[in-house]
Structures are given as structure tokens and as C-alpha cells.
Amino acid sequence: MTLDLRLAPMAAVTNAPFRLVARECGAGPLTSEEIDVRALVAGNARTLELTRVLPGERPIAMQLLGADPDVLAEAARRLEAAGA
């Protein structure tokens, strides 16, 4: 029996080390913690840390939180440029 396991996003839980452990336990695509796009675009250090992706985590989805389409788009551009 083959299971298709996916890691659900969990605030304050699914950080990079946790995601790697989940991958080692068989999780498929990984998901980041919830990332506030306004804080990301503003360069908030804690938020930038949430976007850190370690070797072995790909493929990974970044969960973005926001309501302004322009800010969401800018955050997505920045994450893509950073390799997410």
C-alpha cells in the first residue's frame, strides 16, 4: 500500500527543520507556515525566516496571507526570485 502523505501548513509548527523531519517520514509536497505578505514585503526579519527553504525541502508550497492583490503579487515575485 502506498500513501500519498502531504504536510499541512501549521502556524508556529511547520518550520524548516520540522518540514525536513516530515519529508524523512514520507511526506510528499511540503507547505510553509502562513506568511503575511505585508510583513514579507516590508522585510520583517521573522517573516523572512519563515521563507527559508533548506536543501531537501523541494517541492514546497508557500502559504501566503493577504488581501491586497498587488502586495500578494509582489510577495510571490520575491519568493520566486529567492528560489521558492
PDB file of N, CA and C in Angstrom:
ATOM      1  N   MET A   1       0.844  -1.175   0.000  1.00  0.00           N
ATOM      2  CA  MET A   1       0.000   0.000   0.000  1.00  0.00           C
ATOM      3  C   MET A   1       0.892   1.242   0.000  1.00  0.00           C
ATOM      4  N   THR A   2       0.625   2.150  -0.915  1.00  0.00           N
ATOM      5  CA  THR A   2       1.381   3.392  -0.994  1.00  0.00           C
ATOM      6  C   THR A   2       0.496   4.534  -0.523  1.00  0.00           C
ATOM      7  N   LEU A   3       1.026   5.356   0.359  1.00  0.00           N
ATOM      8  CA  LEU A   3       0.280   6.506   0.865  1.00  0.00           C
ATOM      9  C   LEU A   3       0.824   7.779   0.248  1.00  0.00           C
ATOM     10  N   ASP A   4      -0.077   8.678  -0.106  1.00  0.00           N
ATOM     11  CA  ASP A   4       0.322   9.994  -0.605  1.00  0.00           C
ATOM     12  C   ASP A   4       0.177  10.962   0.561  1.00  0.00           C
ATOM     13  N   LEU A   5       1.244  11.150   1.311  1.00  0.00           N
ATOM     14  CA  LEU A   5       1.204  11.999   2.501  1.00  0.00           C
ATOM     15  C   LEU A   5       1.605  13.417   2.149  1.00  0.00           C
ATOM     16  N   ARG A   6       0.845  14.365   2.648  1.00  0.00           N
ATOM     17  CA  ARG A   6       1.146  15.779   2.436  1.00  0.00           C
ATOM     18  C   ARG A   6       1.185  16.471   3.787  1.00  0.00           C
ATOM     19  N   LEU A   7       2.109  17.390   3.910  1.00  0.00           N
ATOM     20  CA  LEU A   7       2.253  18.136   5.157  1.00  0.00           C
ATOM     21  C   LEU A   7       1.357  19.359   5.117  1.00  0.00           C
ATOM     22  N   ALA A   8       0.412  19.422   6.044  1.00  0.00           N
ATOM     23  CA  ALA A   8      -0.485  20.573   6.126  1.00  0.00           C
ATOM     24  C   ALA A   8       0.251  21.753   6.748  1.00  0.00           C
ATOM     25  N   PRO A   9      -0.090  22.974   6.333  1.00  0.00           N
ATOM     26  CA  PRO A   9       0.536  24.144   6.954  1.00  0.00           C
ATOM     27  C   PRO A   9       0.017  24.330   8.374  1.00  0.00           C
ATOM     28  N   MET A  10       0.935  24.556   9.305  1.00  0.00           N
ATOM     29  CA  MET A  10       0.560  24.784  10.700  1.00  0.00           C
ATOM     30  C   MET A  10       1.403  25.933  11.234  1.00  0.00           C
ATOM     31  N   ALA A  11       0.741  27.008  11.629  1.00  0.00           N
ATOM     32  CA  ALA A  11       1.449  28.176  12.148  1.00  0.00           C
ATOM     33  C   ALA A  11       2.273  27.781  13.366  1.00  0.00           C
ATOM     34  N   ALA A  12       3.498  28.254  13.408  1.00  0.00           N
ATOM     35  CA  ALA A  12       4.437  28.020  14.508  1.00  0.00           C
ATOM     36  C   ALA A  12       4.848  26.552  14.639  1.00  0.00           C
ATOM     37  N   VAL A  13       4.579  25.745  13.624  1.00  0.00           N
ATOM     38  CA  VAL A  13       4.963  24.334  13.665  1.00  0.00           C
ATOM     39  C   VAL A  13       5.778  23.943  12.437  1.00  0.00           C
ATOM     40  N   THR A  14       5.298  24.275  11.255  1.00  0.00           N
ATOM     41  CA  THR A  14       5.935  23.770  10.035  1.00  0.00           C
ATOM     42  C   THR A  14       7.119  24.632   9.597  1.00  0.00           C
ATOM     43  N   ASN A  15       8.089  24.756  10.499  1.00  0.00           N
ATOM     44  CA  ASN A  15       9.323  25.466  10.140  1.00  0.00           C
ATOM     45  C   ASN A  15      10.230  24.521   9.351  1.00  0.00           C
ATOM     46  N   ALA A  16      11.341  25.036   8.883  1.00  0.00           N
ATOM     47  CA  ALA A  16      12.222  24.254   8.010  1.00  0.00           C
ATOM     48  C   ALA A  16      12.684  22.933   8.641  1.00  0.00           C
ATOM     49  N   PRO A  17      13.175  22.912   9.883  1.00  0.00           N
ATOM     50  CA  PRO A  17      13.597  21.626  10.456  1.00  0.00           C
ATOM     51  C   PRO A  17      12.444  20.623  10.574  1.00  0.00           C
ATOM     52  N   PHE A  18      11.262  21.095  10.956  1.00  0.00           N
ATOM     53  CA  PHE A  18      10.103  20.205  11.062  1.00  0.00           C
ATOM     54  C   PHE A  18       9.745  19.632   9.698  1.00  0.00           C
ATOM     55  N   ARG A  19       9.793  20.477   8.669  1.00  0.00           N
ATOM     56  CA  ARG A  19       9.469  20.005   7.322  1.00  0.00           C
ATOM     57  C   ARG A  19      10.441  18.920   6.873  1.00  0.00           C
ATOM     58  N   LEU A  20      11.716  19.067   7.219  1.00  0.00           N
ATOM     59  CA  LEU A  20      12.690  18.040   6.847  1.00  0.00           C
ATOM     60  C   LEU A  20      12.400  16.715   7.543  1.00  0.00           C
ATOM     61  N   VAL A  21      12.016  16.769   8.802  1.00  0.00           N
ATOM     62  CA  VAL A  21      11.644  15.547   9.522  1.00  0.00           C
ATOM     63  C   VAL A  21      10.423  14.914   8.858  1.00  0.00           C
ATOM     64  N   ALA A  22       9.437  15.739   8.499  1.00  0.00           N
ATOM     65  CA  ALA A  22       8.248  15.220   7.824  1.00  0.00           C
ATOM     66  C   ALA A  22       8.628  14.555   6.506  1.00  0.00           C
ATOM     67  N   ARG A  23       9.539  15.165   5.772  1.00  0.00           N
ATOM     68  CA  ARG A  23       9.987  14.580   4.495  1.00  0.00           C
ATOM     69  C   ARG A  23      10.648  13.229   4.746  1.00  0.00           C
ATOM     70  N   GLU A  24      11.498  13.153   5.777  1.00  0.00           N
ATOM     71  CA  GLU A  24      12.166  11.888   6.101  1.00  0.00           C
ATOM     72  C   GLU A  24      11.165  10.801   6.482  1.00  0.00           C
ATOM     73  N   CYS A  25      10.003  11.220   6.996  1.00  0.00           N
ATOM     74  CA  CYS A  25       8.957  10.266   7.389  1.00  0.00           C
ATOM     75  C   CYS A  25       8.004   9.948   6.244  1.00  0.00           C
ATOM     76  N   GLY A  26       8.284  10.482   5.058  1.00  0.00           N
ATOM     77  CA  GLY A  26       7.496  10.118   3.891  1.00  0.00           C
ATOM     78  C   GLY A  26       6.543  11.160   3.363  1.00  0.00           C
ATOM     79  N   ALA A  27       6.553  12.357   3.918  1.00  0.00           N
ATOM     80  CA  ALA A  27       5.656  13.401   3.408  1.00  0.00           C
ATOM     81  C   ALA A  27       6.057  13.775   1.988  1.00  0.00           C
ATOM     82  N   GLY A  28       5.074  14.021   1.162  1.00  0.00           N
ATOM     83  CA  GLY A  28       5.309  14.457  -0.211  1.00  0.00           C
ATOM     84  C   GLY A  28       5.521  15.957  -0.239  1.00  0.00           C
ATOM     85  N   PRO A  29       4.750  16.662  -1.062  1.00  0.00           N
ATOM     86  CA  PRO A  29       4.906  18.117  -1.137  1.00  0.00           C
ATOM     87  C   PRO A  29       4.759  18.768   0.243  1.00  0.00           C
ATOM     88  N   LEU A  30       5.660  19.677   0.536  1.00  0.00           N
ATOM     89  CA  LEU A  30       5.661  20.369   1.823  1.00  0.00           C
ATOM     90  C   LEU A  30       5.035  21.747   1.679  1.00  0.00           C
ATOM     91  N   THR A  31       4.587  22.301   2.799  1.00  0.00           N
ATOM     92  CA  THR A  31       3.982  23.630   2.821  1.00  0.00           C
ATOM     93  C   THR A  31       4.613  24.437   3.944  1.00  0.00           C
ATOM     94  N   SER A  32       4.888  25.701   3.657  1.00  0.00           N
ATOM     95  CA  SER A  32       5.467  26.588   4.667  1.00  0.00           C
ATOM     96  C   SER A  32       4.425  26.965   5.713  1.00  0.00           C
ATOM     97  N   GLU A  33       4.907  27.625   6.748  1.00  0.00           N
ATOM     98  CA  GLU A  33       3.982  28.267   7.673  1.00  0.00           C
ATOM     99  C   GLU A  33       3.282  29.400   6.929  1.00  0.00           C
ATOM    100  N   GLU A  34       2.211  29.919   7.510  1.00  0.00           N
ATOM    101  CA  GLU A  34       1.496  31.042   6.904  1.00  0.00           C
ATOM    102  C   GLU A  34       2.406  32.271   6.895  1.00  0.00           C
ATOM    103  N   ILE A  35       2.529  32.897   5.731  1.00  0.00           N
ATOM    104  CA  ILE A  35       3.422  34.040   5.568  1.00  0.00           C
ATOM    105  C   ILE A  35       2.602  35.287   5.270  1.00  0.00           C
ATOM    106  N   ASP A  36       2.679  36.271   6.164  1.00  0.00           N
ATOM    107  CA  ASP A  36       1.971  37.537   5.970  1.00  0.00           C
ATOM    108  C   ASP A  36       2.704  38.337   4.896  1.00  0.00           C
ATOM    109  N   VAL A  37       2.021  38.605   3.791  1.00  0.00           N
ATOM    110  CA  VAL A  37       2.690  39.245   2.655  1.00  0.00           C
ATOM    111  C   VAL A  37       3.122  40.675   2.953  1.00  0.00           C
ATOM    112  N   ARG A  38       2.372  41.400   3.762  1.00  0.00           N
ATOM    113  CA  ARG A  38       2.778  42.775   4.097  1.00  0.00           C
ATOM    114  C   ARG A  38       4.089  42.764   4.877  1.00  0.00           C
ATOM    115  N   ALA A  39       4.202  41.847   5.829  1.00  0.00           N
ATOM    116  CA  ALA A  39       5.436  41.745   6.606  1.00  0.00           C
ATOM    117  C   ALA A  39       6.595  41.288   5.725  1.00  0.00           C
ATOM    118  N   LEU A  40       6.320  40.398   4.790  1.00  0.00           N
ATOM    119  CA  LEU A  40       7.365  39.929   3.872  1.00  0.00           C
ATOM    120  C   LEU A  40       7.886  41.067   3.008  1.00  0.00           C
ATOM    121  N   VAL A  41       6.970  41.813   2.405  1.00  0.00           N
ATOM    122  CA  VAL A  41       7.367  42.919   1.524  1.00  0.00           C
ATOM    123  C   VAL A  41       8.075  44.017   2.320  1.00  0.00           C
ATOM    124  N   ALA A  42       7.691  44.186   3.592  1.00  0.00           N
ATOM    125  CA  ALA A  42       8.331  45.194   4.442  1.00  0.00           C
ATOM    126  C   ALA A  42       9.716  44.750   4.919  1.00  0.00           C
ATOM    127  N   GLY A  43      10.059  43.475   4.705  1.00  0.00           N
ATOM    128  CA  GLY A  43      11.374  42.992   5.108  1.00  0.00           C
ATOM    129  C   GLY A  43      11.478  42.576   6.558  1.00  0.00           C
ATOM    130  N   ASN A  44      10.351  42.240   7.189  1.00  0.00           N
ATOM    131  CA  ASN A  44      10.342  41.811   8.580  1.00  0.00           C
ATOM    132  C   ASN A  44      11.230  40.573   8.751  1.00  0.00           C
ATOM    133  N   ALA A  45      12.184  40.641   9.675  1.00  0.00           N
ATOM    134  CA  ALA A  45      13.177  39.574   9.839  1.00  0.00           C
ATOM    135  C   ALA A  45      12.539  38.234  10.186  1.00  0.00           C
ATOM    136  N   ARG A  46      11.573  38.229  11.101  1.00  0.00           N
ATOM    137  CA  ARG A  46      10.928  36.965  11.485  1.00  0.00           C
ATOM    138  C   ARG A  46      10.188  36.362  10.297  1.00  0.00           C
ATOM    139  N   THR A  47       9.520  37.200   9.536  1.00  0.00           N
ATOM    140  CA  THR A  47       8.783  36.716   8.372  1.00  0.00           C
ATOM    141  C   THR A  47       9.740  36.180   7.315  1.00  0.00           C
ATOM    142  N   LEU A  48      10.843  36.873   7.103  1.00  0.00           N
ATOM    143  CA  LEU A  48      11.834  36.382   6.144  1.00  0.00           C
ATOM    144  C   LEU A  48      12.376  35.015   6.560  1.00  0.00           C
ATOM    145  N   GLU A  49      12.526  34.794   7.859  1.00  0.00           N
ATOM    146  CA  GLU A  49      12.988  33.493   8.352  1.00  0.00           C
ATOM    147  C   GLU A  49      11.979  32.393   8.005  1.00  0.00           C
ATOM    148  N   LEU A  50      10.686  32.725   8.018  1.00  0.00           N
ATOM    149  CA  LEU A  50       9.658  31.739   7.666  1.00  0.00           C
ATOM    150  C   LEU A  50       9.773  31.280   6.217  1.00  0.00           C
ATOM    151  N   THR A  51      10.399  32.090   5.386  1.00  0.00           N
ATOM    152  CA  THR A  51      10.514  31.753   3.965  1.00  0.00           C
ATOM    153  C   THR A  51      11.772  30.944   3.652  1.00  0.00           C
ATOM    154  N   ARG A  52      12.595  30.704   4.653  1.00  0.00           N
ATOM    155  CA  ARG A  52      13.841  29.958   4.438  1.00  0.00           C
ATOM    156  C   ARG A  52      13.526  28.524   4.016  1.00  0.00           C
ATOM    157  N   VAL A  53      14.136  28.084   2.933  1.00  0.00           N
ATOM    158  CA  VAL A  53      13.949  26.726   2.421  1.00  0.00           C
ATOM    159  C   VAL A  53      15.300  26.026   2.443  1.00  0.00           C
ATOM    160  N   LEU A  54      15.346  24.887   3.107  1.00  0.00           N
ATOM    161  CA  LEU A  54      16.590  24.124   3.219  1.00  0.00           C
ATOM    162  C   LEU A  54      16.715  23.126   2.067  1.00  0.00           C
ATOM    163  N   PRO A  55      17.943  22.704   1.763  1.00  0.00           N
ATOM    164  CA  PRO A  55      18.107  21.662   0.748  1.00  0.00           C
ATOM    165  C   PRO A  55      17.294  20.425   1.154  1.00  0.00           C
ATOM    166  N   GLY A  56      16.640  19.827   0.222  1.00  0.00           N
ATOM    167  CA  GLY A  56      15.834  18.642   0.502  1.00  0.00           C
ATOM    168  C   GLY A  56      14.369  18.928   0.757  1.00  0.00           C
ATOM    169  N   GLU A  57      13.976  20.202   0.769  1.00  0.00           N
ATOM    170  CA  GLU A  57      12.573  20.541   1.033  1.00  0.00           C
ATOM    171  C   GLU A  57      11.717  20.668  -0.221  1.00  0.00           C
ATOM    172  N   ARG A  58      12.336  20.691  -1.377  1.00  0.00           N
ATOM    173  CA  ARG A  58      11.558  20.899  -2.598  1.00  0.00           C
ATOM    174  C   ARG A  58      10.964  19.590  -3.085  1.00  0.00           C
ATOM    175  N   PRO A  59       9.760  19.581  -3.628  1.00  0.00           N
ATOM    176  CA  PRO A  59       8.924  20.751  -3.880  1.00  0.00           C
ATOM    177  C   PRO A  59       8.282  21.259  -2.592  1.00  0.00           C
ATOM    178  N   ILE A  60       8.087  22.562  -2.534  1.00  0.00           N
ATOM    179  CA  ILE A  60       7.462  23.202  -1.379  1.00  0.00           C
ATOM    180  C   ILE A  60       6.513  24.291  -1.861  1.00  0.00           C
ATOM    181  N   ALA A  61       5.397  24.414  -1.161  1.00  0.00           N
ATOM    182  CA  ALA A  61       4.433  25.480  -1.440  1.00  0.00           C
ATOM    183  C   ALA A  61       4.539  26.515  -0.328  1.00  0.00           C
ATOM    184  N   MET A  62       4.477  27.771  -0.693  1.00  0.00           N
ATOM    185  CA  MET A  62       4.482  28.848   0.290  1.00  0.00           C
ATOM    186  C   MET A  62       3.042  29.313   0.491  1.00  0.00           C
ATOM    187  N   GLN A  63       2.590  29.276   1.739  1.00  0.00           N
ATOM    188  CA  GLN A  63       1.226  29.701   2.044  1.00  0.00           C
ATOM    189  C   GLN A  63       1.245  31.196   2.350  1.00  0.00           C
ATOM    190  N   LEU A  64       0.611  31.985   1.496  1.00  0.00           N
ATOM    191  CA  LEU A  64       0.617  33.439   1.646  1.00  0.00           C
ATOM    192  C   LEU A  64      -0.702  33.927   2.222  1.00  0.00           C
ATOM    193  N   LEU A  65      -0.603  34.892   3.136  1.00  0.00           N
ATOM    194  CA  LEU A  65      -1.762  35.504   3.772  1.00  0.00           C
ATOM    195  C   LEU A  65      -1.800  36.971   3.391  1.00  0.00           C
ATOM    196  N   GLY A  66      -2.899  37.397   2.799  1.00  0.00           N
ATOM    197  CA  GLY A  66      -3.038  38.797   2.432  1.00  0.00           C
ATOM    198  C   GLY A  66      -4.317  39.032   1.665  1.00  0.00           C
ATOM    199  N   ALA A  67      -4.688  40.296   1.522  1.00  0.00           N
ATOM    200  CA  ALA A  67      -5.918  40.650   0.816  1.00  0.00           C
ATOM    201  C   ALA A  67      -5.667  41.573  -0.367  1.00  0.00           C
ATOM    202  N   ASP A  68      -4.530  42.238  -0.378  1.00  0.00           N
ATOM    203  CA  ASP A  68      -4.223  43.192  -1.449  1.00  0.00           C
ATOM    204  C   ASP A  68      -3.535  42.449  -2.596  1.00  0.00           C
ATOM    205  N   PRO A  69      -4.177  42.378  -3.768  1.00  0.00           N
ATOM    206  CA  PRO A  69      -3.597  41.627  -4.883  1.00  0.00           C
ATOM    207  C   PRO A  69      -2.205  42.113  -5.284  1.00  0.00           C
ATOM    208  N   ASP A  70      -1.965  43.400  -5.199  1.00  0.00           N
ATOM    209  CA  ASP A  70      -0.657  43.933  -5.579  1.00  0.00           C
ATOM    210  C   ASP A  70       0.433  43.482  -4.610  1.00  0.00           C
ATOM    211  N   VAL A  71       0.118  43.484  -3.322  1.00  0.00           N
ATOM    212  CA  VAL A  71       1.096  43.051  -2.319  1.00  0.00           C
ATOM    213  C   VAL A  71       1.309  41.540  -2.423  1.00  0.00           C
ATOM    214  N   LEU A  72       0.227  40.790  -2.647  1.00  0.00           N
ATOM    215  CA  LEU A  72       0.361  39.346  -2.849  1.00  0.00           C
ATOM    216  C   LEU A  72       1.265  39.044  -4.044  1.00  0.00           C
ATOM    217  N   ALA A  73       1.059  39.762  -5.136  1.00  0.00           N
ATOM    218  CA  ALA A  73       1.870  39.549  -6.337  1.00  0.00           C
ATOM    219  C   ALA A  73       3.336  39.884  -6.073  1.00  0.00           C
ATOM    220  N   GLU A  74       3.591  40.973  -5.369  1.00  0.00           N
ATOM    221  CA  GLU A  74       4.974  41.355  -5.063  1.00  0.00           C
ATOM    222  C   GLU A  74       5.636  40.305  -4.171  1.00  0.00           C
ATOM    223  N   ALA A  75       4.906  39.818  -3.176  1.00  0.00           N
ATOM    224  CA  ALA A  75       5.454  38.779  -2.302  1.00  0.00           C
ATOM    225  C   ALA A  75       5.770  37.519  -3.101  1.00  0.00           C
ATOM    226  N   ALA A  76       4.876  37.135  -3.994  1.00  0.00           N
ATOM    227  CA  ALA A  76       5.106  35.947  -4.826  1.00  0.00           C
ATOM    228  C   ALA A  76       6.331  36.138  -5.711  1.00  0.00           C
ATOM    229  N   ARG A  77       6.486  37.318  -6.281  1.00  0.00           N
ATOM    230  CA  ARG A  77       7.667  37.603  -7.108  1.00  0.00           C
ATOM    231  C   ARG A  77       8.950  37.463  -6.295  1.00  0.00           C
ATOM    232  N   ARG A  78       8.934  38.005  -5.087  1.00  0.00           N
ATOM    233  CA  ARG A  78      10.131  37.941  -4.238  1.00  0.00           C
ATOM    234  C   ARG A  78      10.462  36.503  -3.849  1.00  0.00           C
ATOM    235  N   LEU A  79       9.434  35.735  -3.513  1.00  0.00           N
ATOM    236  CA  LEU A  79       9.670  34.342  -3.144  1.00  0.00           C
ATOM    237  C   LEU A  79      10.195  33.541  -4.332  1.00  0.00           C
ATOM    238  N   GLU A  80       9.624  33.781  -5.490  1.00  0.00           N
ATOM    239  CA  GLU A  80      10.087  33.084  -6.694  1.00  0.00           C
ATOM    240  C   GLU A  80      11.538  33.457  -7.010  1.00  0.00           C
ATOM    241  N   ALA A  81      11.870  34.733  -6.891  1.00  0.00           N
ATOM    242  CA  ALA A  81      13.239  35.185  -7.152  1.00  0.00           C
ATOM    243  C   ALA A  81      14.229  34.576  -6.156  1.00  0.00           C
ATOM    244  N   ALA A  82      13.743  34.295  -4.944  1.00  0.00           N
ATOM    245  CA  ALA A  82      14.594  33.703  -3.914  1.00  0.00           C
ATOM    246  C   ALA A  82      14.699  32.182  -4.059  1.00  0.00           C
ATOM    247  N   GLY A  83      13.960  31.620  -5.017  1.00  0.00           N
ATOM    248  CA  GLY A  83      14.060  30.187  -5.268  1.00  0.00           C
ATOM    249  C   GLY A  83      12.975  29.337  -4.662  1.00  0.00           C
ATOM    250  N   ALA A  84      11.961  29.957  -4.110  1.00  0.00           N
ATOM    251  CA  ALA A  84      10.866  29.183  -3.507  1.00  0.00           C
ATOM    252  C   ALA A  84       9.928  28.657  -4.570  1.00  0.00           C
TER     253      ALA A  84
END
